[in-house]
C-alpha atoms as a PDB file:
ATOM      1  CA  UNK A   1    -174.663 -12.929 -91.766  1.00  0.00           C
ATOM      2  CA  UNK A   2    -172.842 -10.140 -93.613  1.00  0.00           C
ATOM      3  CA  UNK A   3    -171.269  -8.969 -90.340  1.00  0.00           C
ATOM      4  CA  UNK A   4    -169.931 -12.466 -89.668  1.00  0.00           C
ATOM      5  CA  UNK A   5    -168.379 -12.633 -93.145  1.00  0.00           C
ATOM      6  CA  UNK A   6    -166.812  -9.213 -92.638  1.00  0.00           C
ATOM      7  CA  UNK A   7    -165.425 -10.230 -89.230  1.00  0.00           C
ATOM      8  CA  UNK A   8    -163.970 -13.426 -90.698  1.00  0.00           C
ATOM      9  CA  UNK A   9    -162.422 -11.457 -93.570  1.00  0.00           C
ATOM     10  CA  UNK A  10    -160.825  -9.043 -91.100  1.00  0.00           C
ATOM     11  CA  UNK A  11    -159.441 -11.944 -89.063  1.00  0.00           C
ATOM     12  CA  UNK A  12    -158.043 -13.505 -92.234  1.00  0.00           C
ATOM     13  CA  UNK A  13    -156.317 -10.215 -93.088  1.00  0.00           C
ATOM     14  CA  UNK A  14    -154.524 -10.400 -89.745  1.00  0.00           C
ATOM     15  CA  UNK A  15    -153.285 -13.909 -90.573  1.00  0.00           C
ATOM     16  CA  UNK A  16    -150.161 -14.686 -92.568  1.00  0.00           C
ATOM     17  CA  UNK A  17    -149.056 -17.864 -94.343  1.00  0.00           C
ATOM     18  CA  UNK A  18    -145.342 -18.436 -93.784  1.00  0.00           C
ATOM     19  CA  UNK A  19    -142.819 -21.204 -94.295  1.00  0.00           C
ATOM     20  CA  UNK A  20    -140.258 -21.796 -91.569  1.00  0.00           C
ATOM     21  CA  UNK A  21    -137.077 -23.816 -91.909  1.00  0.00           C
ATOM     22  CA  UNK A  22    -136.585 -25.754 -88.685  1.00  0.00           C
ATOM     23  CA  UNK A  23    -133.518 -27.994 -88.511  1.00  0.00           C
ATOM     24  CA  UNK A  24    -133.836 -30.024 -91.709  1.00  0.00           C
ATOM     25  CA  UNK A  25    -137.520 -29.475 -92.410  1.00  0.00           C
ATOM     26  CA  UNK A  26    -139.727 -26.770 -93.886  1.00  0.00           C
ATOM     27  CA  UNK A  27    -142.922 -26.123 -91.984  1.00  0.00           C
ATOM     28  CA  UNK A  28    -145.856 -24.133 -93.361  1.00  0.00           C
ATOM     29  CA  UNK A  29    -147.871 -22.222 -90.806  1.00  0.00           C
ATOM     30  CA  UNK A  30    -150.700 -19.734 -90.610  1.00  0.00           C
ATOM     31  CA  UNK A  31    -149.930 -17.215 -87.890  1.00  0.00           C
ATOM     32  CA  UNK A  32    -151.029 -13.827 -86.641  1.00  0.00           C
ATOM     33  CA  UNK A  33    -149.248 -11.179 -88.687  1.00  0.00           C
ATOM     34  CA  UNK A  34    -147.703  -9.588 -85.578  1.00  0.00           C
ATOM     35  CA  UNK A  35    -146.143 -12.931 -84.569  1.00  0.00           C
ATOM     36  CA  UNK A  36    -144.055 -13.397 -87.717  1.00  0.00           C
ATOM     37  CA  UNK A  37    -140.804 -12.075 -86.267  1.00  0.00           C
ATOM     38  CA  UNK A  38    -141.228 -14.199 -83.136  1.00  0.00           C
ATOM     39  CA  UNK A  39    -141.957 -17.345 -85.162  1.00  0.00           C
ATOM     40  CA  UNK A  40    -138.902 -16.837 -87.344  1.00  0.00           C
ATOM     41  CA  UNK A  41    -136.721 -16.219 -84.287  1.00  0.00           C
ATOM     42  CA  UNK A  42    -138.173 -19.297 -82.606  1.00  0.00           C
ATOM     43  CA  UNK A  43    -137.382 -21.420 -85.670  1.00  0.00           C
ATOM     44  CA  UNK A  44    -133.771 -20.172 -85.602  1.00  0.00           C
ATOM     45  CA  UNK A  45    -133.476 -20.882 -81.880  1.00  0.00           C
ATOM     46  CA  UNK A  46    -134.866 -24.395 -82.259  1.00  0.00           C
ATOM     47  CA  UNK A  47    -132.531 -25.105 -85.174  1.00  0.00           C
ATOM     48  CA  UNK A  48    -129.480 -23.816 -83.313  1.00  0.00           C
ATOM     49  CA  UNK A  49    -130.252 -25.754 -80.124  1.00  0.00           C
ATOM     50  CA  UNK A  50    -131.133 -28.921 -82.044  1.00  0.00           C
ATOM     51  CA  UNK A  51    -127.903 -28.694 -84.053  1.00  0.00           C
ATOM     52  CA  UNK A  52    -125.920 -28.290 -80.828  1.00  0.00           C
ATOM     53  CA  UNK A  53    -127.470 -31.383 -79.248  1.00  0.00           C
ATOM     54  CA  UNK A  54    -127.340 -33.406 -82.474  1.00  0.00           C
ATOM     55  CA  UNK A  55    -123.645 -32.630 -82.888  1.00  0.00           C
ATOM     56  CA  UNK A  56    -122.883 -33.451 -79.283  1.00  0.00           C
ATOM     57  CA  UNK A  57    -124.824 -36.718 -79.095  1.00  0.00           C
ATOM     58  CA  UNK A  58    -124.566 -37.996 -82.680  1.00  0.00           C
ATOM     59  CA  UNK A  59    -124.637 -41.781 -82.623  1.00  0.00           C
ATOM     60  CA  UNK A  60    -125.510 -41.856 -78.915  1.00  0.00           C
ATOM     61  CA  UNK A  61    -129.084 -40.509 -78.896  1.00  0.00           C
ATOM     62  CA  UNK A  62    -132.002 -40.990 -81.255  1.00  0.00           C
ATOM     63  CA  UNK A  63    -133.455 -38.073 -83.219  1.00  0.00           C
ATOM     64  CA  UNK A  64    -136.465 -38.218 -80.917  1.00  0.00           C
ATOM     65  CA  UNK A  65    -134.271 -37.952 -77.816  1.00  0.00           C
ATOM     66  CA  UNK A  66    -132.364 -35.029 -79.330  1.00  0.00           C
ATOM     67  CA  UNK A  67    -135.683 -33.307 -80.104  1.00  0.00           C
ATOM     68  CA  UNK A  68    -136.861 -33.834 -76.512  1.00  0.00           C
ATOM     69  CA  UNK A  69    -133.591 -32.508 -75.128  1.00  0.00           C
ATOM     70  CA  UNK A  70    -134.019 -29.442 -77.338  1.00  0.00           C
ATOM     71  CA  UNK A  71    -137.564 -28.928 -76.064  1.00  0.00           C
ATOM     72  CA  UNK A  72    -136.431 -29.225 -72.456  1.00  0.00           C
ATOM     73  CA  UNK A  73    -133.590 -26.766 -73.051  1.00  0.00           C
ATOM     74  CA  UNK A  74    -135.912 -24.173 -74.592  1.00  0.00           C
ATOM     75  CA  UNK A  75    -138.620 -24.766 -71.976  1.00  0.00           C
ATOM     76  CA  UNK A  76    -135.994 -24.245 -69.262  1.00  0.00           C
ATOM     77  CA  UNK A  77    -135.065 -20.880 -70.787  1.00  0.00           C
ATOM     78  CA  UNK A  78    -138.755 -19.960 -70.862  1.00  0.00           C
ATOM     79  CA  UNK A  79    -139.364 -21.017 -67.247  1.00  0.00           C
ATOM     80  CA  UNK A  80    -136.332 -19.085 -65.999  1.00  0.00           C
ATOM     81  CA  UNK A  81    -137.471 -15.979 -67.858  1.00  0.00           C
ATOM     82  CA  UNK A  82    -140.999 -16.362 -66.560  1.00  0.00           C
ATOM     83  CA  UNK A  83    -139.732 -16.732 -62.975  1.00  0.00           C
ATOM     84  CA  UNK A  84    -137.536 -13.656 -63.380  1.00  0.00           C
ATOM     85  CA  UNK A  85    -140.589 -11.664 -64.481  1.00  0.00           C
ATOM     86  CA  UNK A  86    -142.840 -12.901 -61.679  1.00  0.00           C
ATOM     87  CA  UNK A  87    -143.523  -9.867 -59.512  1.00  0.00           C
ATOM     88  CA  UNK A  88    -145.933 -11.530 -57.080  1.00  0.00           C
ATOM     89  CA  UNK A  89    -143.280 -12.067 -54.355  1.00  0.00           C
ATOM     90  CA  UNK A  90    -142.459  -8.348 -54.511  1.00  0.00           C
ATOM     91  CA  UNK A  91    -146.125  -7.403 -54.579  1.00  0.00           C
ATOM     92  CA  UNK A  92    -146.709  -9.501 -51.454  1.00  0.00           C
ATOM     93  CA  UNK A  93    -143.777  -7.896 -49.617  1.00  0.00           C
ATOM     94  CA  UNK A  94    -144.908  -4.401 -50.616  1.00  0.00           C
ATOM     95  CA  UNK A  95    -148.458  -5.090 -49.463  1.00  0.00           C
ATOM     96  CA  UNK A  96    -147.195  -6.404 -46.116  1.00  0.00           C
ATOM     97  CA  UNK A  97    -144.861  -3.428 -45.631  1.00  0.00           C
ATOM     98  CA  UNK A  98    -147.614  -0.993 -46.575  1.00  0.00           C
ATOM     99  CA  UNK A  99    -149.925  -2.581 -44.014  1.00  0.00           C
ATOM    100  CA  UNK A 100    -147.217  -2.447 -41.337  1.00  0.00           C
ATOM    101  CA  UNK A 101    -146.573   1.223 -42.092  1.00  0.00           C
ATOM    102  CA  UNK A 102    -150.270   2.044 -42.034  1.00  0.00           C
ATOM    103  CA  UNK A 103    -150.692   0.126 -38.749  1.00  0.00           C
ATOM    104  CA  UNK A 104    -147.693   1.891 -37.206  1.00  0.00           C
ATOM    105  CA  UNK A 105    -148.970   5.305 -38.278  1.00  0.00           C
ATOM    106  CA  UNK A 106    -152.412   4.490 -36.929  1.00  0.00           C
ATOM    107  CA  UNK A 107    -151.051   3.323 -33.566  1.00  0.00           C
ATOM    108  CA  UNK A 108    -149.030   6.511 -33.083  1.00  0.00           C
ATOM    109  CA  UNK A 109    -152.055   8.724 -33.556  1.00  0.00           C
ATOM    110  CA  UNK A 110    -150.946  10.116 -36.903  1.00  0.00           C
ATOM    111  CA  UNK A 111    -153.967  10.743 -39.028  1.00  0.00           C
ATOM    112  CA  UNK A 112    -154.309  11.538 -42.705  1.00  0.00           C
ATOM    113  CA  UNK A 113    -155.743  14.905 -43.654  1.00  0.00           C
END
């Protein structure tokens, strides 16, 4: 029981209560301490993108539609970044080339020492 309390206390020490200003609202959150910078940057990004869409579509779109457009815009950035970091196509090509090289070396009678 004491170990569980100690583990929970350690987890709580790693947590941080912060308040983020996002667009026109303040949001209180409990986050991992190491995520604070990312959360604050995310709040700034959301606010900037929301302001851009709100200014562009004021009177033409609802707040909900502007929020959804903002989400799509940020999700698109995320998906593009994720695709750019996906190394599986390269891994597959390297594995195929390695196999072809090994097969070619094996067929020509070249042996490893």
